[in-house]
Amino acid sequence: MFVGALELDVLLGDVHSLKQKRSVVKPVVAELRRRFEVSVAEAGHLDLHRRALIGVAVVAADAEHVRDVLVACERLVAGRPELELLSARQRLLGPED
């Protein structure tokens, strides 16, 4: 069993309140969950209205599949015009860890 985690630190565009932030982040989280069948949540920068930390987790029997899913998730977020991806950090845990 392999577990992969991805942290995506994003800067939001023209957002001036936490309510507007939710209206931008929530559809991204929902799309990641729907398209890739991963666990995903807004996991940081909760009190900042122009920043968000999105956490993604996936479990699979194959490490390459985990990496592929995490890369696809990163690409989806990077391709969203309303977001600027500041950083992405992947972690992979396997049977030896």
N, C-alpha and C. Protein backbone atom coordinates (compact mmCIF):
# COMPACT_ATOMS: atom_id res chain seq x y z
N MET A 1 0.84 -1.18 0.00
CA MET A 1 0.00 0.00 0.00
C MET A 1 0.89 1.24 0.00
N PHE A 2 0.50 2.22 -0.81
CA PHE A 2 1.21 3.49 -0.89
C PHE A 2 0.22 4.62 -0.63
N VAL A 3 0.68 5.61 0.12
CA VAL A 3 -0.12 6.78 0.44
C VAL A 3 0.62 8.01 -0.07
N GLY A 4 -0.07 8.82 -0.84
CA GLY A 4 0.52 10.04 -1.36
C GLY A 4 -0.21 11.26 -0.84
N ALA A 5 0.55 12.30 -0.57
CA ALA A 5 -0.03 13.56 -0.10
C ALA A 5 0.53 14.69 -0.95
N LEU A 6 -0.30 15.66 -1.22
CA LEU A 6 0.08 16.81 -2.03
C LEU A 6 -0.42 18.07 -1.33
N GLU A 7 0.48 19.02 -1.14
CA GLU A 7 0.12 20.33 -0.58
C GLU A 7 0.24 21.35 -1.70
N LEU A 8 -0.84 22.06 -1.95
CA LEU A 8 -0.86 23.09 -2.99
C LEU A 8 -1.11 24.44 -2.34
N ASP A 9 -0.13 25.30 -2.40
CA ASP A 9 -0.24 26.66 -1.86
C ASP A 9 -0.63 27.56 -3.01
N VAL A 10 -1.81 28.16 -2.94
CA VAL A 10 -2.30 28.96 -4.05
C VAL A 10 -2.62 30.39 -3.62
N LEU A 11 -2.45 31.28 -4.57
CA LEU A 11 -2.82 32.68 -4.41
C LEU A 11 -4.07 32.90 -5.25
N LEU A 12 -5.07 33.49 -4.65
CA LEU A 12 -6.34 33.73 -5.35
C LEU A 12 -6.30 35.09 -6.00
N GLY A 13 -7.00 35.20 -7.11
CA GLY A 13 -7.01 36.45 -7.87
C GLY A 13 -7.77 37.57 -7.18
N ASP A 14 -8.81 38.05 -7.80
CA ASP A 14 -9.57 39.21 -7.33
C ASP A 14 -10.56 38.79 -6.25
N VAL A 15 -10.04 38.53 -5.05
CA VAL A 15 -10.86 38.08 -3.93
C VAL A 15 -10.66 39.07 -2.78
N HIS A 16 -11.79 39.53 -2.21
CA HIS A 16 -11.71 40.56 -1.17
C HIS A 16 -12.34 40.15 0.15
N SER A 17 -12.80 38.90 0.25
CA SER A 17 -13.41 38.46 1.50
C SER A 17 -13.28 36.95 1.61
N LEU A 18 -13.48 36.43 2.82
CA LEU A 18 -13.44 34.98 3.02
C LEU A 18 -14.60 34.31 2.29
N LYS A 19 -15.72 35.00 2.16
CA LYS A 19 -16.86 34.45 1.43
C LYS A 19 -16.52 34.28 -0.06
N GLN A 20 -15.88 35.26 -0.65
CA GLN A 20 -15.44 35.15 -2.04
C GLN A 20 -14.40 34.04 -2.18
N LYS A 21 -13.52 33.92 -1.19
CA LYS A 21 -12.51 32.87 -1.21
C LYS A 21 -13.19 31.50 -1.28
N ARG A 22 -14.18 31.28 -0.43
CA ARG A 22 -14.90 30.00 -0.44
C ARG A 22 -15.52 29.72 -1.80
N SER A 23 -16.04 30.76 -2.45
CA SER A 23 -16.69 30.57 -3.75
C SER A 23 -15.68 30.21 -4.85
N VAL A 24 -14.41 30.47 -4.63
CA VAL A 24 -13.36 30.09 -5.59
C VAL A 24 -12.78 28.72 -5.23
N VAL A 25 -12.50 28.50 -3.96
CA VAL A 25 -11.82 27.27 -3.52
C VAL A 25 -12.75 26.06 -3.56
N LYS A 26 -13.98 26.24 -3.15
CA LYS A 26 -14.92 25.11 -3.05
C LYS A 26 -15.11 24.36 -4.38
N PRO A 27 -15.28 25.05 -5.51
CA PRO A 27 -15.41 24.31 -6.78
C PRO A 27 -14.13 23.57 -7.18
N VAL A 28 -12.98 24.10 -6.84
CA VAL A 28 -11.72 23.43 -7.15
C VAL A 28 -11.61 22.14 -6.35
N VAL A 29 -11.92 22.23 -5.06
CA VAL A 29 -11.89 21.05 -4.19
C VAL A 29 -12.87 20.00 -4.71
N ALA A 30 -14.07 20.43 -5.09
CA ALA A 30 -15.09 19.49 -5.59
C ALA A 30 -14.64 18.84 -6.90
N GLU A 31 -14.03 19.60 -7.78
CA GLU A 31 -13.57 19.04 -9.06
C GLU A 31 -12.45 18.02 -8.85
N LEU A 32 -11.51 18.32 -7.97
CA LEU A 32 -10.44 17.37 -7.67
C LEU A 32 -11.03 16.06 -7.13
N ARG A 33 -11.96 16.19 -6.21
CA ARG A 33 -12.58 15.01 -5.60
C ARG A 33 -13.33 14.19 -6.65
N ARG A 34 -14.08 14.86 -7.52
CA ARG A 34 -14.89 14.18 -8.53
C ARG A 34 -14.04 13.54 -9.63
N ARG A 35 -13.07 14.28 -10.14
CA ARG A 35 -12.29 13.78 -11.29
C ARG A 35 -11.29 12.70 -10.92
N PHE A 36 -10.70 12.81 -9.73
CA PHE A 36 -9.60 11.90 -9.39
C PHE A 36 -9.90 10.96 -8.23
N GLU A 37 -11.09 11.06 -7.64
CA GLU A 37 -11.48 10.21 -6.52
C GLU A 37 -10.43 10.22 -5.41
N VAL A 38 -10.06 11.43 -4.99
CA VAL A 38 -9.07 11.62 -3.94
C VAL A 38 -9.75 12.28 -2.74
N SER A 39 -9.08 12.24 -1.62
CA SER A 39 -9.52 13.03 -0.46
C SER A 39 -8.87 14.39 -0.59
N VAL A 40 -9.64 15.44 -0.43
CA VAL A 40 -9.11 16.78 -0.61
C VAL A 40 -9.85 17.75 0.30
N ALA A 41 -9.10 18.74 0.79
CA ALA A 41 -9.70 19.75 1.67
C ALA A 41 -8.84 21.01 1.67
N GLU A 42 -9.48 22.11 2.00
CA GLU A 42 -8.72 23.33 2.27
C GLU A 42 -8.11 23.13 3.65
N ALA A 43 -6.79 23.14 3.72
CA ALA A 43 -6.11 22.70 4.94
C ALA A 43 -5.23 23.76 5.58
N GLY A 44 -5.21 24.95 5.05
CA GLY A 44 -4.36 25.97 5.64
C GLY A 44 -4.70 27.36 5.12
N HIS A 45 -4.10 28.36 5.72
CA HIS A 45 -4.35 29.77 5.39
C HIS A 45 -5.84 30.09 5.50
N LEU A 46 -6.50 29.50 6.48
CA LEU A 46 -7.95 29.63 6.60
C LEU A 46 -8.40 31.05 6.91
N ASP A 47 -7.53 31.83 7.54
CA ASP A 47 -7.92 33.20 7.91
C ASP A 47 -7.46 34.26 6.91
N LEU A 48 -6.79 33.83 5.84
CA LEU A 48 -6.34 34.76 4.80
C LEU A 48 -7.27 34.68 3.61
N HIS A 49 -7.73 35.81 3.11
CA HIS A 49 -8.71 35.75 2.03
C HIS A 49 -8.10 35.60 0.63
N ARG A 50 -6.82 35.81 0.45
CA ARG A 50 -6.21 35.65 -0.88
C ARG A 50 -5.31 34.44 -1.00
N ARG A 51 -5.16 33.66 0.05
CA ARG A 51 -4.30 32.46 0.02
C ARG A 51 -5.10 31.26 0.45
N ALA A 52 -4.72 30.11 -0.09
CA ALA A 52 -5.34 28.85 0.34
C ALA A 52 -4.29 27.76 0.26
N LEU A 53 -4.38 26.82 1.16
CA LEU A 53 -3.55 25.63 1.14
C LEU A 53 -4.51 24.46 0.94
N ILE A 54 -4.37 23.81 -0.21
CA ILE A 54 -5.25 22.69 -0.54
C ILE A 54 -4.46 21.40 -0.34
N GLY A 55 -5.00 20.50 0.44
CA GLY A 55 -4.36 19.22 0.70
C GLY A 55 -5.08 18.11 -0.03
N VAL A 56 -4.30 17.25 -0.69
CA VAL A 56 -4.83 16.13 -1.46
C VAL A 56 -4.16 14.86 -0.95
N ALA A 57 -4.95 13.79 -0.79
CA ALA A 57 -4.39 12.51 -0.37
C ALA A 57 -4.98 11.40 -1.23
N VAL A 58 -4.13 10.41 -1.53
CA VAL A 58 -4.56 9.27 -2.34
C VAL A 58 -3.88 8.01 -1.82
N VAL A 59 -4.60 6.90 -1.88
CA VAL A 59 -4.08 5.60 -1.46
C VAL A 59 -4.24 4.64 -2.63
N ALA A 60 -3.18 3.86 -2.91
CA ALA A 60 -3.24 2.88 -3.99
C ALA A 60 -2.22 1.79 -3.74
N ALA A 61 -2.34 0.72 -4.49
CA ALA A 61 -1.42 -0.41 -4.37
C ALA A 61 -0.12 -0.16 -5.10
N ASP A 62 -0.10 0.81 -6.00
CA ASP A 62 1.04 1.05 -6.88
C ASP A 62 1.56 2.48 -6.68
N ALA A 63 2.85 2.63 -6.41
CA ALA A 63 3.44 3.95 -6.18
C ALA A 63 3.35 4.82 -7.42
N GLU A 64 3.52 4.25 -8.59
CA GLU A 64 3.46 5.06 -9.82
C GLU A 64 2.06 5.62 -10.03
N HIS A 65 1.05 4.84 -9.70
CA HIS A 65 -0.33 5.35 -9.83
C HIS A 65 -0.55 6.53 -8.88
N VAL A 66 -0.04 6.42 -7.66
CA VAL A 66 -0.17 7.51 -6.70
C VAL A 66 0.50 8.76 -7.25
N ARG A 67 1.71 8.63 -7.75
CA ARG A 67 2.42 9.79 -8.32
C ARG A 67 1.65 10.40 -9.49
N ASP A 68 1.14 9.54 -10.38
CA ASP A 68 0.39 10.03 -11.55
C ASP A 68 -0.84 10.83 -11.14
N VAL A 69 -1.56 10.34 -10.15
CA VAL A 69 -2.76 11.04 -9.68
C VAL A 69 -2.38 12.38 -9.07
N LEU A 70 -1.33 12.42 -8.27
CA LEU A 70 -0.91 13.68 -7.64
C LEU A 70 -0.45 14.69 -8.68
N VAL A 71 0.27 14.24 -9.69
CA VAL A 71 0.72 15.13 -10.77
C VAL A 71 -0.49 15.68 -11.53
N ALA A 72 -1.46 14.83 -11.80
CA ALA A 72 -2.67 15.28 -12.49
C ALA A 72 -3.43 16.31 -11.66
N CYS A 73 -3.51 16.11 -10.36
CA CYS A 73 -4.16 17.08 -9.48
C CYS A 73 -3.43 18.41 -9.51
N GLU A 74 -2.11 18.35 -9.45
CA GLU A 74 -1.31 19.58 -9.50
C GLU A 74 -1.54 20.32 -10.81
N ARG A 75 -1.56 19.59 -11.92
CA ARG A 75 -1.79 20.21 -13.23
C ARG A 75 -3.16 20.87 -13.31
N LEU A 76 -4.17 20.22 -12.77
CA LEU A 76 -5.51 20.79 -12.80
C LEU A 76 -5.54 22.13 -12.06
N VAL A 77 -4.95 22.17 -10.88
CA VAL A 77 -4.94 23.41 -10.10
C VAL A 77 -4.08 24.48 -10.80
N ALA A 78 -2.95 24.08 -11.33
CA ALA A 78 -2.07 25.04 -12.01
C ALA A 78 -2.74 25.63 -13.25
N GLY A 79 -3.64 24.89 -13.85
CA GLY A 79 -4.31 25.35 -15.05
C GLY A 79 -5.52 26.22 -14.82
N ARG A 80 -5.91 26.39 -13.58
CA ARG A 80 -7.08 27.23 -13.27
C ARG A 80 -6.69 28.71 -13.37
N PRO A 81 -7.38 29.49 -14.20
CA PRO A 81 -6.99 30.90 -14.40
C PRO A 81 -7.22 31.77 -13.17
N GLU A 82 -8.13 31.39 -12.29
CA GLU A 82 -8.43 32.22 -11.11
C GLU A 82 -7.46 31.99 -9.96
N LEU A 83 -6.53 31.03 -10.14
CA LEU A 83 -5.55 30.70 -9.10
C LEU A 83 -4.14 30.85 -9.65
N GLU A 84 -3.23 31.18 -8.74
CA GLU A 84 -1.80 31.13 -9.07
C GLU A 84 -1.17 30.12 -8.12
N LEU A 85 -0.61 29.06 -8.68
CA LEU A 85 0.03 28.04 -7.86
C LEU A 85 1.39 28.55 -7.41
N LEU A 86 1.54 28.78 -6.11
CA LEU A 86 2.79 29.29 -5.56
C LEU A 86 3.79 28.16 -5.31
N SER A 87 3.29 27.03 -4.79
CA SER A 87 4.17 25.90 -4.55
C SER A 87 3.34 24.62 -4.45
N ALA A 88 4.01 23.53 -4.76
CA ALA A 88 3.39 22.21 -4.65
C ALA A 88 4.42 21.28 -4.02
N ARG A 89 3.97 20.50 -3.05
CA ARG A 89 4.88 19.60 -2.36
C ARG A 89 4.24 18.22 -2.25
N GLN A 90 4.95 17.23 -2.76
CA GLN A 90 4.45 15.85 -2.73
C GLN A 90 5.20 15.02 -1.70
N ARG A 91 4.46 14.08 -1.09
CA ARG A 91 5.07 13.11 -0.20
C ARG A 91 4.50 11.74 -0.54
N LEU A 92 5.33 10.72 -0.45
CA LEU A 92 4.90 9.37 -0.73
C LEU A 92 5.38 8.46 0.39
N LEU A 93 4.44 7.73 0.97
CA LEU A 93 4.77 6.76 2.00
C LEU A 93 4.47 5.37 1.46
N GLY A 94 5.43 4.46 1.65
CA GLY A 94 5.26 3.11 1.17
C GLY A 94 5.42 2.09 2.28
N PRO A 95 5.45 0.82 1.91
CA PRO A 95 5.55 -0.25 2.91
C PRO A 95 6.82 -0.19 3.77
N GLU A 96 7.87 0.40 3.25
CA GLU A 96 9.14 0.47 4.01
C GLU A 96 9.16 1.60 5.02
N ASP A 97 8.23 2.55 4.91
CA ASP A 97 8.24 3.72 5.80
C ASP A 97 7.62 3.43 7.14
